[in-house]
PDB file of all heavy atoms in Angstrom:
ATOM      1  N   VAL A   1      51.080  14.895  -1.190  1.00  0.00           N
ATOM      2  CA  VAL A   1      50.927  16.099  -1.993  1.00  0.00           C
ATOM      3  C   VAL A   1      49.472  16.544  -2.009  1.00  0.00           C
ATOM      4  O   VAL A   1      49.156  17.679  -2.329  1.00  0.00           O
ATOM      5  CB  VAL A   1      51.455  15.869  -3.421  1.00  0.00           C
ATOM      6  CG1 VAL A   1      51.501  17.156  -4.203  1.00  0.00           C
ATOM      7  CG2 VAL A   1      52.839  15.229  -3.368  1.00  0.00           C
ATOM      8  N   GLY A   2      48.539  15.659  -1.639  1.00  0.00           N
ATOM      9  CA  GLY A   2      47.138  16.029  -1.569  1.00  0.00           C
ATOM     10  C   GLY A   2      46.876  17.151  -0.586  1.00  0.00           C
ATOM     11  O   GLY A   2      45.874  17.857  -0.702  1.00  0.00           O
ATOM     12  N   LEU A   3      47.775  17.353   0.369  1.00  0.00           N
ATOM     13  CA  LEU A   3      47.610  18.449   1.311  1.00  0.00           C
ATOM     14  C   LEU A   3      47.714  19.809   0.635  1.00  0.00           C
ATOM     15  O   LEU A   3      47.340  20.823   1.217  1.00  0.00           O
ATOM     16  CB  LEU A   3      48.658  18.344   2.430  1.00  0.00           C
ATOM     17  CG  LEU A   3      48.407  17.245   3.461  1.00  0.00           C
ATOM     18  CD1 LEU A   3      49.605  17.093   4.387  1.00  0.00           C
ATOM     19  CD2 LEU A   3      47.167  17.554   4.279  1.00  0.00           C
ATOM     20  N   PHE A   4      48.241  19.842  -0.568  1.00  0.00           N
ATOM     21  CA  PHE A   4      48.260  21.083  -1.329  1.00  0.00           C
ATOM     22  C   PHE A   4      46.941  21.302  -2.087  1.00  0.00           C
ATOM     23  O   PHE A   4      46.812  22.245  -2.859  1.00  0.00           O
ATOM     24  CB  PHE A   4      49.415  21.073  -2.338  1.00  0.00           C
ATOM     25  CG  PHE A   4      50.746  21.420  -1.749  1.00  0.00           C
ATOM     26  CD1 PHE A   4      51.875  20.683  -2.076  1.00  0.00           C
ATOM     27  CD2 PHE A   4      50.888  22.475  -0.866  1.00  0.00           C
ATOM     28  CE1 PHE A   4      53.118  21.001  -1.544  1.00  0.00           C
ATOM     29  CE2 PHE A   4      52.120  22.808  -0.325  1.00  0.00           C
ATOM     30  CZ  PHE A   4      53.244  22.066  -0.669  1.00  0.00           C
ATOM     31  N   GLY A   5      45.971  20.436  -1.869  1.00  0.00           N
ATOM     32  CA  GLY A   5      44.692  20.544  -2.571  1.00  0.00           C
ATOM     33  C   GLY A   5      44.028  21.889  -2.325  1.00  0.00           C
ATOM     34  O   GLY A   5      44.120  22.465  -1.242  1.00  0.00           O
ATOM     35  N   GLN A   6      43.321  22.383  -3.346  1.00  0.00           N
ATOM     36  CA  GLN A   6      42.668  23.688  -3.264  1.00  0.00           C
ATOM     37  C   GLN A   6      41.171  23.539  -3.015  1.00  0.00           C
ATOM     38  O   GLN A   6      40.519  22.660  -3.583  1.00  0.00           O
ATOM     39  CB  GLN A   6      42.903  24.454  -4.556  1.00  0.00           C
ATOM     40  CG  GLN A   6      44.364  24.645  -4.896  1.00  0.00           C
ATOM     41  CD  GLN A   6      45.095  25.426  -3.816  1.00  0.00           C
ATOM     42  OE1 GLN A   6      44.824  26.602  -3.601  1.00  0.00           O
ATOM     43  NE2 GLN A   6      46.029  24.784  -3.134  1.00  0.00           N
ATOM     44  N   GLU A   7      40.621  24.438  -2.186  1.00  0.00           N
ATOM     45  CA  GLU A   7      39.222  24.354  -1.797  1.00  0.00           C
ATOM     46  C   GLU A   7      38.285  24.432  -2.991  1.00  0.00           C
ATOM     47  O   GLU A   7      37.252  23.770  -3.035  1.00  0.00           O
ATOM     48  CB  GLU A   7      38.903  25.480  -0.810  1.00  0.00           C
ATOM     49  CG  GLU A   7      37.498  25.430  -0.213  1.00  0.00           C
ATOM     50  CD  GLU A   7      36.438  26.041  -1.120  1.00  0.00           C
ATOM     51  OE1 GLU A   7      36.794  26.870  -1.978  1.00  0.00           O
ATOM     52  OE2 GLU A   7      35.265  25.657  -0.997  1.00  0.00           O
ATOM     53  N   TYR A   8      38.613  25.246  -3.943  1.00  0.00           N
ATOM     54  CA  TYR A   8      37.737  25.486  -5.078  1.00  0.00           C
ATOM     55  C   TYR A   8      37.953  24.473  -6.200  1.00  0.00           C
ATOM     56  O   TYR A   8      37.305  24.548  -7.245  1.00  0.00           O
ATOM     57  CB  TYR A   8      38.007  26.887  -5.643  1.00  0.00           C
ATOM     58  CG  TYR A   8      39.481  27.147  -5.828  1.00  0.00           C
ATOM     59  CD1 TYR A   8      40.156  26.702  -6.950  1.00  0.00           C
ATOM     60  CD2 TYR A   8      40.213  27.776  -4.823  1.00  0.00           C
ATOM     61  CE1 TYR A   8      41.511  26.885  -7.081  1.00  0.00           C
ATOM     62  CE2 TYR A   8      41.577  27.977  -4.950  1.00  0.00           C
ATOM     63  CZ  TYR A   8      42.226  27.534  -6.085  1.00  0.00           C
ATOM     64  OH  TYR A   8      43.573  27.697  -6.212  1.00  0.00           O
ATOM     65  N   GLY A   9      38.888  23.535  -6.023  1.00  0.00           N
ATOM     66  CA  GLY A   9      39.237  22.626  -7.103  1.00  0.00           C
ATOM     67  C   GLY A   9      38.315  21.431  -7.199  1.00  0.00           C
ATOM     68  O   GLY A   9      37.921  20.843  -6.199  1.00  0.00           O
ATOM     69  N   VAL A  10      37.960  21.050  -8.404  1.00  0.00           N
ATOM     70  CA  VAL A  10      37.176  19.848  -8.648  1.00  0.00           C
ATOM     71  C   VAL A  10      37.581  19.300 -10.012  1.00  0.00           C
ATOM     72  O   VAL A  10      37.956  20.055 -10.916  1.00  0.00           O
ATOM     73  CB  VAL A  10      35.658  20.145  -8.617  1.00  0.00           C
ATOM     74  CG1 VAL A  10      35.256  21.060  -9.771  1.00  0.00           C
ATOM     75  CG2 VAL A  10      34.833  18.864  -8.654  1.00  0.00           C
ATOM     76  N   ASP A  11      37.545  17.994 -10.136  1.00  0.00           N
ATOM     77  CA  ASP A  11      37.878  17.358 -11.410  1.00  0.00           C
ATOM     78  C   ASP A  11      36.670  16.570 -11.878  1.00  0.00           C
ATOM     79  O   ASP A  11      36.336  15.529 -11.318  1.00  0.00           O
ATOM     80  CB  ASP A  11      39.088  16.444 -11.256  1.00  0.00           C
ATOM     81  CG  ASP A  11      39.447  15.771 -12.582  1.00  0.00           C
ATOM     82  OD1 ASP A  11      39.139  16.367 -13.631  1.00  0.00           O
ATOM     83  OD2 ASP A  11      40.022  14.673 -12.554  1.00  0.00           O
ATOM     84  N   THR A  12      35.995  17.065 -12.882  1.00  0.00           N
ATOM     85  CA  THR A  12      34.850  16.358 -13.460  1.00  0.00           C
ATOM     86  C   THR A  12      35.196  15.792 -14.829  1.00  0.00           C
ATOM     87  O   THR A  12      34.305  15.309 -15.534  1.00  0.00           O
ATOM     88  CB  THR A  12      33.644  17.311 -13.605  1.00  0.00           C
ATOM     89  OG1 THR A  12      33.955  18.316 -14.580  1.00  0.00           O
ATOM     90  CG2 THR A  12      33.306  17.977 -12.270  1.00  0.00           C
ATOM     91  N   GLY A  13      36.483  15.872 -15.202  1.00  0.00           N
ATOM     92  CA  GLY A  13      36.864  15.428 -16.533  1.00  0.00           C
ATOM     93  C   GLY A  13      36.296  16.322 -17.615  1.00  0.00           C
ATOM     94  O   GLY A  13      35.993  15.861 -18.717  1.00  0.00           O
ATOM     95  N   ASN A  14      36.135  17.611 -17.282  1.00  0.00           N
ATOM     96  CA  ASN A  14      35.573  18.608 -18.210  1.00  0.00           C
ATOM     97  C   ASN A  14      34.121  18.317 -18.571  1.00  0.00           C
ATOM     98  O   ASN A  14      33.622  18.800 -19.600  1.00  0.00           O
ATOM     99  CB  ASN A  14      36.417  18.731 -19.476  1.00  0.00           C
ATOM    100  CG  ASN A  14      37.818  19.248 -19.199  1.00  0.00           C
ATOM    101  OD1 ASN A  14      37.995  20.221 -18.455  1.00  0.00           O
ATOM    102  ND2 ASN A  14      38.823  18.590 -19.765  1.00  0.00           N
ATOM    103  N   VAL A  15      33.461  17.524 -17.745  1.00  0.00           N
ATOM    104  CA  VAL A  15      32.042  17.230 -17.944  1.00  0.00           C
ATOM    105  C   VAL A  15      31.229  18.049 -16.944  1.00  0.00           C
ATOM    106  O   VAL A  15      31.609  18.181 -15.783  1.00  0.00           O
ATOM    107  CB  VAL A  15      31.759  15.728 -17.747  1.00  0.00           C
ATOM    108  CG1 VAL A  15      30.267  15.448 -17.830  1.00  0.00           C
ATOM    109  CG2 VAL A  15      32.519  14.908 -18.781  1.00  0.00           C
ATOM    110  N   VAL A  16      30.121  18.599 -17.395  1.00  0.00           N
ATOM    111  CA  VAL A  16      29.260  19.380 -16.510  1.00  0.00           C
ATOM    112  C   VAL A  16      28.417  18.429 -15.655  1.00  0.00           C
ATOM    113  O   VAL A  16      27.764  17.520 -16.182  1.00  0.00           O
ATOM    114  CB  VAL A  16      28.347  20.323 -17.316  1.00  0.00           C
ATOM    115  CG1 VAL A  16      27.405  21.077 -16.380  1.00  0.00           C
ATOM    116  CG2 VAL A  16      29.180  21.309 -18.118  1.00  0.00           C
ATOM    117  N   VAL A  17      28.437  18.650 -14.345  1.00  0.00           N
ATOM    118  CA  VAL A  17      27.673  17.813 -13.417  1.00  0.00           C
ATOM    119  C   VAL A  17      26.814  18.708 -12.526  1.00  0.00           C
ATOM    120  O   VAL A  17      27.046  19.911 -12.423  1.00  0.00           O
ATOM    121  CB  VAL A  17      28.606  16.944 -12.539  1.00  0.00           C
ATOM    122  CG1 VAL A  17      29.441  16.021 -13.395  1.00  0.00           C
ATOM    123  CG2 VAL A  17      29.496  17.832 -11.666  1.00  0.00           C
ATOM    124  N   ILE A  18      25.832  18.114 -11.903  1.00  0.00           N
ATOM    125  CA  ILE A  18      25.017  18.824 -10.911  1.00  0.00           C
ATOM    126  C   ILE A  18      25.610  18.542  -9.546  1.00  0.00           C
ATOM    127  O   ILE A  18      25.603  17.401  -9.080  1.00  0.00           O
ATOM    128  CB  ILE A  18      23.550  18.367 -10.969  1.00  0.00           C
ATOM    129  CG1 ILE A  18      22.933  18.738 -12.320  1.00  0.00           C
ATOM    130  CG2 ILE A  18      22.747  19.001  -9.838  1.00  0.00           C
ATOM    131  CD1 ILE A  18      21.515  18.263 -12.507  1.00  0.00           C
ATOM    132  N   ASP A  19      26.129  19.588  -8.888  1.00  0.00           N
ATOM    133  CA  ASP A  19      26.720  19.350  -7.572  1.00  0.00           C
ATOM    134  C   ASP A  19      25.938  20.043  -6.455  1.00  0.00           C
ATOM    135  O   ASP A  19      26.386  20.039  -5.305  1.00  0.00           O
ATOM    136  CB  ASP A  19      28.194  19.765  -7.545  1.00  0.00           C
ATOM    137  CG  ASP A  19      28.399  21.239  -7.289  1.00  0.00           C
ATOM    138  OD1 ASP A  19      27.537  22.045  -7.702  1.00  0.00           O
ATOM    139  OD2 ASP A  19      29.423  21.590  -6.685  1.00  0.00           O
ATOM    140  N   ARG A  20      24.772  20.630  -6.787  1.00  0.00           N
ATOM    141  CA  ARG A  20      23.838  21.104  -5.768  1.00  0.00           C
ATOM    142  C   ARG A  20      22.424  21.014  -6.335  1.00  0.00           C
ATOM    143  O   ARG A  20      22.155  21.428  -7.459  1.00  0.00           O
ATOM    144  CB  ARG A  20      24.092  22.562  -5.376  1.00  0.00           C
ATOM    145  CG  ARG A  20      25.353  22.823  -4.612  1.00  0.00           C
ATOM    146  CD  ARG A  20      25.336  22.233  -3.193  1.00  0.00           C
ATOM    147  NE  ARG A  20      26.411  22.817  -2.443  1.00  0.00           N
ATOM    148  CZ  ARG A  20      27.696  22.502  -2.581  1.00  0.00           C
ATOM    149  NH1 ARG A  20      28.028  21.568  -3.469  1.00  0.00           N
ATOM    150  NH2 ARG A  20      28.631  23.063  -1.854  1.00  0.00           N
ATOM    151  N   LEU A  21      21.522  20.502  -5.525  1.00  0.00           N
ATOM    152  CA  LEU A  21      20.109  20.493  -5.860  1.00  0.00           C
ATOM    153  C   LEU A  21      19.339  20.329  -4.551  1.00  0.00           C
ATOM    154  O   LEU A  21      19.136  19.217  -4.069  1.00  0.00           O
ATOM    155  CB  LEU A  21      19.779  19.357  -6.834  1.00  0.00           C
ATOM    156  CG  LEU A  21      18.331  19.317  -7.339  1.00  0.00           C
ATOM    157  CD1 LEU A  21      17.960  20.620  -8.035  1.00  0.00           C
ATOM    158  CD2 LEU A  21      18.111  18.133  -8.281  1.00  0.00           C
ATOM    159  N   PHE A  22      18.962  21.461  -3.967  1.00  0.00           N
ATOM    160  CA  PHE A  22      18.267  21.402  -2.677  1.00  0.00           C
ATOM    161  C   PHE A  22      17.304  22.577  -2.554  1.00  0.00           C
ATOM    162  O   PHE A  22      17.365  23.546  -3.316  1.00  0.00           O
ATOM    163  CB  PHE A  22      19.264  21.399  -1.511  1.00  0.00           C
ATOM    164  CG  PHE A  22      20.057  22.675  -1.361  1.00  0.00           C
ATOM    165  CD1 PHE A  22      19.561  23.751  -0.624  1.00  0.00           C
ATOM    166  CD2 PHE A  22      21.309  22.804  -1.943  1.00  0.00           C
ATOM    167  CE1 PHE A  22      20.285  24.919  -0.485  1.00  0.00           C
ATOM    168  CE2 PHE A  22      22.049  23.974  -1.798  1.00  0.00           C
ATOM    169  CZ  PHE A  22      21.533  25.029  -1.068  1.00  0.00           C
ATOM    170  N   TYR A  23      16.410  22.465  -1.570  1.00  0.00           N
ATOM    171  CA  TYR A  23      15.377  23.483  -1.339  1.00  0.00           C
ATOM    172  C   TYR A  23      15.369  23.832   0.138  1.00  0.00           C
ATOM    173  O   TYR A  23      15.421  22.946   1.005  1.00  0.00           O
ATOM    174  CB  TYR A  23      14.013  22.942  -1.756  1.00  0.00           C
ATOM    175  CG  TYR A  23      12.872  23.911  -1.606  1.00  0.00           C
ATOM    176  CD1 TYR A  23      12.838  25.095  -2.345  1.00  0.00           C
ATOM    177  CD2 TYR A  23      11.815  23.656  -0.735  1.00  0.00           C
ATOM    178  CE1 TYR A  23      11.779  25.986  -2.221  1.00  0.00           C
ATOM    179  CE2 TYR A  23      10.751  24.533  -0.602  1.00  0.00           C
ATOM    180  CZ  TYR A  23      10.735  25.699  -1.352  1.00  0.00           C
ATOM    181  OH  TYR A  23       9.694  26.577  -1.225  1.00  0.00           O
ATOM    182  N   SER A  24      15.323  25.134   0.444  1.00  0.00           N
ATOM    183  CA  SER A  24      15.236  25.583   1.835  1.00  0.00           C
ATOM    184  C   SER A  24      14.056  26.536   1.974  1.00  0.00           C
ATOM    185  O   SER A  24      13.779  27.322   1.052  1.00  0.00           O
ATOM    186  CB  SER A  24      16.534  26.281   2.260  1.00  0.00           C
ATOM    187  OG  SER A  24      16.714  27.503   1.572  1.00  0.00           O
ATOM    188  N   PHE A  25      13.397  26.473   3.109  1.00  0.00           N
ATOM    189  CA  PHE A  25      12.248  27.341   3.338  1.00  0.00           C
ATOM    190  C   PHE A  25      12.076  27.564   4.842  1.00  0.00           C
ATOM    191  O   PHE A  25      12.392  26.692   5.658  1.00  0.00           O
ATOM    192  CB  PHE A  25      10.966  26.731   2.752  1.00  0.00           C
ATOM    193  CG  PHE A  25      10.605  25.385   3.308  1.00  0.00           C
ATOM    194  CD1 PHE A  25       9.723  25.260   4.378  1.00  0.00           C
ATOM    195  CD2 PHE A  25      11.156  24.227   2.776  1.00  0.00           C
ATOM    196  CE1 PHE A  25       9.382  24.019   4.885  1.00  0.00           C
ATOM    197  CE2 PHE A  25      10.826  22.979   3.280  1.00  0.00           C
ATOM    198  CZ  PHE A  25       9.938  22.880   4.339  1.00  0.00           C
ATOM    199  N   PRO A  26      11.579  28.743   5.221  1.00  0.00           N
ATOM    200  CA  PRO A  26      11.393  29.044   6.646  1.00  0.00           C
ATOM    201  C   PRO A  26      10.105  28.426   7.174  1.00  0.00           C
ATOM    202  O   PRO A  26       9.126  28.262   6.444  1.00  0.00           O
ATOM    203  CB  PRO A  26      11.332  30.570   6.668  1.00  0.00           C
ATOM    204  CG  PRO A  26      10.745  30.929   5.329  1.00  0.00           C
ATOM    205  CD  PRO A  26      11.278  29.895   4.363  1.00  0.00           C
ATOM    206  N   VAL A  27      10.130  28.103   8.449  1.00  0.00           N
ATOM    207  CA  VAL A  27       8.941  27.663   9.158  1.00  0.00           C
ATOM    208  C   VAL A  27       8.790  28.593  10.358  1.00  0.00           C
ATOM    209  O   VAL A  27       9.551  28.506  11.316  1.00  0.00           O
ATOM    210  CB  VAL A  27       9.059  26.194   9.619  1.00  0.00           C
ATOM    211  CG1 VAL A  27       7.819  25.790  10.407  1.00  0.00           C
ATOM    212  CG2 VAL A  27       9.262  25.277   8.424  1.00  0.00           C
ATOM    213  N   GLY A  28       7.844  29.498  10.273  1.00  0.00           N
ATOM    214  CA  GLY A  28       7.752  30.527  11.298  1.00  0.00           C
ATOM    215  C   GLY A  28       8.854  31.552  11.106  1.00  0.00           C
ATOM    216  O   GLY A  28       9.398  31.736  10.010  1.00  0.00           O
ATOM    217  N   SER A  29       9.228  32.215  12.178  1.00  0.00           N
ATOM    218  CA  SER A  29      10.221  33.288  12.085  1.00  0.00           C
ATOM    219  C   SER A  29      11.633  32.851  12.439  1.00  0.00           C
ATOM    220  O   SER A  29      12.586  33.578  12.158  1.00  0.00           O
ATOM    221  CB  SER A  29       9.813  34.437  13.022  1.00  0.00           C
ATOM    222  OG  SER A  29       9.751  33.985  14.373  1.00  0.00           O
ATOM    223  N   GLU A  30      11.791  31.647  13.039  1.00  0.00           N
ATOM    224  CA  GLU A  30      13.118  31.257  13.520  1.00  0.00           C
ATOM    225  C   GLU A  30      13.596  29.903  13.024  1.00  0.00           C
ATOM    226  O   GLU A  30      14.778  29.579  13.165  1.00  0.00           O
ATOM    227  CB  GLU A  30      13.141  31.281  15.055  1.00  0.00           C
ATOM    228  CG  GLU A  30      12.922  32.668  15.638  1.00  0.00           C
ATOM    229  CD  GLU A  30      12.982  32.681  17.162  1.00  0.00           C
ATOM    230  OE1 GLU A  30      12.828  31.591  17.765  1.00  0.00           O
ATOM    231  OE2 GLU A  30      13.183  33.761  17.747  1.00  0.00           O
ATOM    232  N   PHE A  31      12.736  29.094  12.429  1.00  0.00           N
ATOM    233  CA  PHE A  31      13.131  27.764  11.963  1.00  0.00           C
ATOM    234  C   PHE A  31      13.270  27.745  10.442  1.00  0.00           C
ATOM    235  O   PHE A  31      12.530  28.418   9.724  1.00  0.00           O
ATOM    236  CB  PHE A  31      12.107  26.710  12.391  1.00  0.00           C
ATOM    237  CG  PHE A  31      12.164  26.352  13.845  1.00  0.00           C
ATOM    238  CD1 PHE A  31      11.409  27.057  14.774  1.00  0.00           C
ATOM    239  CD2 PHE A  31      12.976  25.317  14.285  1.00  0.00           C
ATOM    240  CE1 PHE A  31      11.452  26.730  16.124  1.00  0.00           C
ATOM    241  CE2 PHE A  31      13.028  24.983  15.620  1.00  0.00           C
ATOM    242  CZ  PHE A  31      12.274  25.696  16.554  1.00  0.00           C
ATOM    243  N   THR A  32      14.225  26.960   9.965  1.00  0.00           N
ATOM    244  CA  THR A  32      14.432  26.772   8.530  1.00  0.00           C
ATOM    245  C   THR A  32      14.701  25.302   8.261  1.00  0.00           C
ATOM    246  O   THR A  32      15.464  24.651   8.985  1.00  0.00           O
ATOM    247  CB  THR A  32      15.625  27.606   8.020  1.00  0.00           C
ATOM    248  OG1 THR A  32      15.375  28.988   8.263  1.00  0.00           O
ATOM    249  CG2 THR A  32      15.837  27.384   6.533  1.00  0.00           C
ATOM    250  N   ILE A  33      14.073  24.772   7.217  1.00  0.00           N
ATOM    251  CA  ILE A  33      14.267  23.382   6.810  1.00  0.00           C
ATOM    252  C   ILE A  33      14.992  23.385   5.460  1.00  0.00           C
ATOM    253  O   ILE A  33      14.644  24.152   4.558  1.00  0.00           O
ATOM    254  CB  ILE A  33      12.933  22.639   6.698  1.00  0.00           C
ATOM    255  CG1 ILE A  33      12.266  22.544   8.079  1.00  0.00           C
ATOM    256  CG2 ILE A  33      13.132  21.246   6.109  1.00  0.00           C
ATOM    257  CD1 ILE A  33      10.882  21.909   8.058  1.00  0.00           C
ATOM    258  N   VAL A  34      16.015  22.546   5.343  1.00  0.00           N
ATOM    259  CA  VAL A  34      16.811  22.439   4.119  1.00  0.00           C
ATOM    260  C   VAL A  34      16.910  20.969   3.734  1.00  0.00           C
ATOM    261  O   VAL A  34      17.156  20.120   4.589  1.00  0.00           O
ATOM    262  CB  VAL A  34      18.230  23.012   4.315  1.00  0.00           C
ATOM    263  CG1 VAL A  34      18.991  23.004   2.990  1.00  0.00           C
ATOM    264  CG2 VAL A  34      18.182  24.418   4.902  1.00  0.00           C
ATOM    265  N   GLY A  35      16.739  20.675   2.462  1.00  0.00           N
ATOM    266  CA  GLY A  35      16.871  19.286   2.046  1.00  0.00           C
ATOM    267  C   GLY A  35      16.879  19.140   0.542  1.00  0.00           C
ATOM    268  O   GLY A  35      16.443  20.032  -0.184  1.00  0.00           O
ATOM    269  N   GLY A  36      17.398  18.006   0.076  1.00  0.00           N
ATOM    270  CA  GLY A  36      17.414  17.738  -1.348  1.00  0.00           C
ATOM    271  C   GLY A  36      18.256  16.526  -1.678  1.00  0.00           C
ATOM    272  O   GLY A  36      18.949  15.980  -0.819  1.00  0.00           O
TER     273      GLY A  36
END
């Protein structure tokens, strides 16, 4: 039944969590570095 899982679904037990914390910046005109 897990195949019916939804892309936007998450279960945090109604607790607020941090699920993104990263920094991206360009280097020159064509390179970009992303990390966190």
